[in-house]
Amino acid sequence: MLCCKLMDNWIEVAYDLVSDEALQALLEEACTRDGTELTDATIKVGQLREGLRCGRIQLRFYPAEECCHLVWTNQPSPH
């Protein structure tokens, strides 16, 4: 299993190697980032988690920015 993959300006991080608490916080933050989501984020967090599991979403770390982003992809995950 690949834990992370270095690309030009980002690193793909295997979501299942991130602690559940950190992943939950990242997913919740992504759901409420712009303050436009006024409903319970539980359903959307579950959808994002499923997207990570199925490979529709990648967790990417950008060293220059020192932050993580969730990125939609059309490629299924290799793990």
N, C-alpha and C. Protein backbone atom coordinates (compact mmCIF):
# COMPACT_ATOMS: atom_id res chain seq x y z
N MET A 1 0.84 -1.18 0.00
CA MET A 1 0.00 0.00 0.00
C MET A 1 0.88 1.24 0.00
N LEU A 2 0.51 2.19 -0.81
CA LEU A 2 1.22 3.45 -0.93
C LEU A 2 0.71 4.41 0.13
N CYS A 3 1.62 4.97 0.94
CA CYS A 3 1.17 5.89 1.99
C CYS A 3 1.11 7.32 1.49
N CYS A 4 2.01 7.70 0.63
CA CYS A 4 1.96 9.03 0.07
C CYS A 4 2.74 9.05 -1.24
N LYS A 5 2.38 9.97 -2.11
CA LYS A 5 2.96 10.03 -3.44
C LYS A 5 3.32 11.47 -3.73
N LEU A 6 4.60 11.74 -3.97
CA LEU A 6 5.08 13.09 -4.22
C LEU A 6 4.81 13.49 -5.67
N MET A 7 4.13 14.60 -5.85
CA MET A 7 3.87 15.14 -7.18
C MET A 7 4.66 16.44 -7.31
N ASP A 8 4.39 17.23 -8.34
CA ASP A 8 5.15 18.45 -8.56
C ASP A 8 5.12 19.41 -7.38
N ASN A 9 3.93 19.75 -6.91
CA ASN A 9 3.84 20.72 -5.81
C ASN A 9 2.92 20.25 -4.70
N TRP A 10 2.60 18.96 -4.68
CA TRP A 10 1.74 18.41 -3.64
C TRP A 10 2.07 16.95 -3.40
N ILE A 11 1.61 16.45 -2.28
CA ILE A 11 1.81 15.06 -1.90
C ILE A 11 0.45 14.43 -1.67
N GLU A 12 0.18 13.32 -2.36
CA GLU A 12 -1.05 12.60 -2.11
C GLU A 12 -0.86 11.78 -0.84
N VAL A 13 -1.78 11.94 0.10
CA VAL A 13 -1.69 11.25 1.39
C VAL A 13 -2.82 10.22 1.46
N ALA A 14 -2.48 9.00 1.83
CA ALA A 14 -3.50 7.97 2.00
C ALA A 14 -4.35 8.35 3.21
N TYR A 15 -5.63 8.58 2.97
CA TYR A 15 -6.52 9.06 4.04
C TYR A 15 -6.59 8.09 5.21
N ASP A 16 -6.42 6.80 4.96
CA ASP A 16 -6.54 5.83 6.05
C ASP A 16 -5.33 5.81 6.97
N LEU A 17 -4.30 6.59 6.65
CA LEU A 17 -3.15 6.72 7.54
C LEU A 17 -3.26 7.96 8.43
N VAL A 18 -4.28 8.76 8.18
CA VAL A 18 -4.54 9.96 8.99
C VAL A 18 -5.40 9.53 10.18
N SER A 19 -5.12 10.07 11.36
CA SER A 19 -5.93 9.70 12.52
C SER A 19 -7.38 10.05 12.26
N ASP A 20 -8.29 9.28 12.84
CA ASP A 20 -9.72 9.51 12.62
C ASP A 20 -10.13 10.90 13.08
N GLU A 21 -9.56 11.38 14.19
CA GLU A 21 -9.89 12.71 14.70
C GLU A 21 -9.46 13.79 13.72
N ALA A 22 -8.24 13.67 13.17
CA ALA A 22 -7.74 14.67 12.22
C ALA A 22 -8.54 14.63 10.93
N LEU A 23 -8.87 13.43 10.44
CA LEU A 23 -9.65 13.30 9.22
C LEU A 23 -11.05 13.88 9.42
N GLN A 24 -11.65 13.59 10.54
CA GLN A 24 -12.99 14.13 10.84
C GLN A 24 -12.96 15.66 10.85
N ALA A 25 -11.96 16.24 11.48
CA ALA A 25 -11.84 17.69 11.53
C ALA A 25 -11.63 18.27 10.13
N LEU A 26 -10.82 17.62 9.33
CA LEU A 26 -10.57 18.08 7.96
C LEU A 26 -11.85 18.03 7.13
N LEU A 27 -12.60 16.94 7.25
CA LEU A 27 -13.84 16.79 6.49
C LEU A 27 -14.89 17.80 6.94
N GLU A 28 -15.01 18.01 8.26
CA GLU A 28 -15.96 19.01 8.76
C GLU A 28 -15.59 20.40 8.29
N GLU A 29 -14.31 20.71 8.31
CA GLU A 29 -13.86 22.03 7.87
C GLU A 29 -14.16 22.23 6.39
N ALA A 30 -13.98 21.19 5.59
CA ALA A 30 -14.26 21.28 4.15
C ALA A 30 -15.75 21.52 3.91
N CYS A 31 -16.59 20.95 4.74
CA CYS A 31 -18.05 21.12 4.58
C CYS A 31 -18.53 22.50 4.99
N THR A 32 -17.83 23.13 5.89
CA THR A 32 -18.30 24.41 6.44
C THR A 32 -17.35 25.56 6.13
N ARG A 33 -16.41 25.36 5.23
CA ARG A 33 -15.32 26.30 4.96
C ARG A 33 -15.78 27.74 4.71
N ASP A 34 -16.72 27.93 3.86
CA ASP A 34 -17.12 29.30 3.49
C ASP A 34 -18.28 29.83 4.31
N GLY A 35 -18.73 29.07 5.28
CA GLY A 35 -19.83 29.50 6.10
C GLY A 35 -21.17 29.48 5.40
N THR A 36 -21.21 28.83 4.24
CA THR A 36 -22.46 28.80 3.48
C THR A 36 -23.31 27.59 3.82
N GLU A 37 -22.74 26.61 4.47
CA GLU A 37 -23.48 25.40 4.81
C GLU A 37 -24.12 25.60 6.18
N LEU A 38 -25.44 25.71 6.20
CA LEU A 38 -26.14 25.98 7.44
C LEU A 38 -26.80 24.73 8.02
N THR A 39 -26.75 23.62 7.30
CA THR A 39 -27.35 22.38 7.78
C THR A 39 -26.30 21.54 8.50
N ASP A 40 -26.76 20.47 9.12
CA ASP A 40 -25.86 19.55 9.81
C ASP A 40 -24.89 18.96 8.79
N ALA A 41 -23.61 19.03 9.07
CA ALA A 41 -22.58 18.58 8.13
C ALA A 41 -22.39 17.06 8.15
N THR A 42 -23.09 16.35 9.01
CA THR A 42 -22.89 14.90 9.17
C THR A 42 -23.04 14.15 7.85
N ILE A 43 -24.08 14.45 7.10
CA ILE A 43 -24.32 13.74 5.84
C ILE A 43 -23.21 14.05 4.84
N LYS A 44 -22.84 15.31 4.71
CA LYS A 44 -21.80 15.68 3.76
C LYS A 44 -20.45 15.11 4.16
N VAL A 45 -20.16 15.07 5.45
CA VAL A 45 -18.91 14.46 5.92
C VAL A 45 -18.88 12.99 5.52
N GLY A 46 -20.00 12.30 5.68
CA GLY A 46 -20.09 10.90 5.27
C GLY A 46 -19.87 10.73 3.78
N GLN A 47 -20.41 11.65 2.99
CA GLN A 47 -20.23 11.59 1.54
C GLN A 47 -18.77 11.81 1.16
N LEU A 48 -18.12 12.76 1.83
CA LEU A 48 -16.70 12.99 1.55
C LEU A 48 -15.86 11.79 1.96
N ARG A 49 -16.17 11.21 3.11
CA ARG A 49 -15.43 10.02 3.58
C ARG A 49 -15.59 8.88 2.57
N GLU A 50 -16.79 8.69 2.05
CA GLU A 50 -17.03 7.65 1.04
C GLU A 50 -16.28 7.96 -0.25
N GLY A 51 -16.22 9.23 -0.62
CA GLY A 51 -15.45 9.63 -1.80
C GLY A 51 -13.97 9.31 -1.65
N LEU A 52 -13.43 9.51 -0.45
CA LEU A 52 -12.04 9.15 -0.19
C LEU A 52 -11.86 7.64 -0.30
N ARG A 53 -12.78 6.90 0.31
CA ARG A 53 -12.69 5.45 0.32
C ARG A 53 -12.74 4.87 -1.10
N CYS A 54 -13.59 5.44 -1.94
CA CYS A 54 -13.78 4.94 -3.31
C CYS A 54 -12.77 5.50 -4.31
N GLY A 55 -11.97 6.48 -3.89
CA GLY A 55 -10.98 7.05 -4.79
C GLY A 55 -11.48 8.20 -5.63
N ARG A 56 -12.70 8.67 -5.40
CA ARG A 56 -13.22 9.82 -6.14
C ARG A 56 -12.65 11.13 -5.62
N ILE A 57 -12.12 11.09 -4.40
CA ILE A 57 -11.52 12.27 -3.77
C ILE A 57 -10.12 11.88 -3.30
N GLN A 58 -9.17 12.79 -3.47
CA GLN A 58 -7.82 12.59 -2.96
C GLN A 58 -7.57 13.60 -1.83
N LEU A 59 -6.79 13.17 -0.87
CA LEU A 59 -6.32 14.07 0.18
C LEU A 59 -4.91 14.49 -0.22
N ARG A 60 -4.75 15.77 -0.46
CA ARG A 60 -3.45 16.29 -0.90
C ARG A 60 -2.89 17.28 0.10
N PHE A 61 -1.59 17.15 0.35
CA PHE A 61 -0.87 18.09 1.21
C PHE A 61 0.00 18.95 0.32
N TYR A 62 -0.10 20.26 0.51
CA TYR A 62 0.68 21.22 -0.25
C TYR A 62 1.74 21.82 0.67
N PRO A 63 3.00 21.35 0.57
CA PRO A 63 4.05 21.81 1.49
C PRO A 63 4.27 23.32 1.48
N ALA A 64 4.21 23.94 0.32
CA ALA A 64 4.46 25.39 0.24
C ALA A 64 3.41 26.17 1.03
N GLU A 65 2.18 25.67 1.04
CA GLU A 65 1.09 26.32 1.78
C GLU A 65 0.93 25.76 3.18
N GLU A 66 1.55 24.60 3.44
CA GLU A 66 1.41 23.89 4.70
C GLU A 66 -0.06 23.61 5.04
N CYS A 67 -0.79 23.12 4.03
CA CYS A 67 -2.20 22.80 4.26
C CYS A 67 -2.62 21.61 3.39
N CYS A 68 -3.77 21.06 3.76
CA CYS A 68 -4.35 19.94 3.03
C CYS A 68 -5.60 20.39 2.29
N HIS A 69 -5.84 19.74 1.16
CA HIS A 69 -7.05 20.00 0.39
C HIS A 69 -7.65 18.67 -0.04
N LEU A 70 -8.95 18.63 -0.15
CA LEU A 70 -9.64 17.49 -0.75
C LEU A 70 -9.85 17.84 -2.21
N VAL A 71 -9.46 16.93 -3.10
CA VAL A 71 -9.53 17.19 -4.53
C VAL A 71 -10.30 16.07 -5.20
N TRP A 72 -11.32 16.44 -5.97
CA TRP A 72 -12.11 15.45 -6.72
C TRP A 72 -11.28 14.94 -7.87
N THR A 73 -11.38 13.64 -8.13
CA THR A 73 -10.66 13.00 -9.21
C THR A 73 -11.57 12.02 -9.93
N ASN A 74 -11.24 11.70 -11.16
CA ASN A 74 -11.99 10.70 -11.90
C ASN A 74 -11.32 9.33 -11.82
N GLN A 75 -10.18 9.28 -11.17
CA GLN A 75 -9.41 8.04 -11.06
C GLN A 75 -9.76 7.29 -9.79
N PRO A 76 -10.03 5.98 -9.86
CA PRO A 76 -10.21 5.21 -8.62
C PRO A 76 -8.88 5.07 -7.90
N SER A 77 -8.94 5.04 -6.60
CA SER A 77 -7.74 4.92 -5.76
C SER A 77 -7.12 3.53 -5.92
N PRO A 78 -5.78 3.44 -5.89
CA PRO A 78 -5.12 2.13 -5.99
C PRO A 78 -5.20 1.31 -4.72
N HIS A 79 -5.66 1.92 -3.61
CA HIS A 79 -5.75 1.15 -2.35
C HIS A 79 -7.12 1.02 -1.86
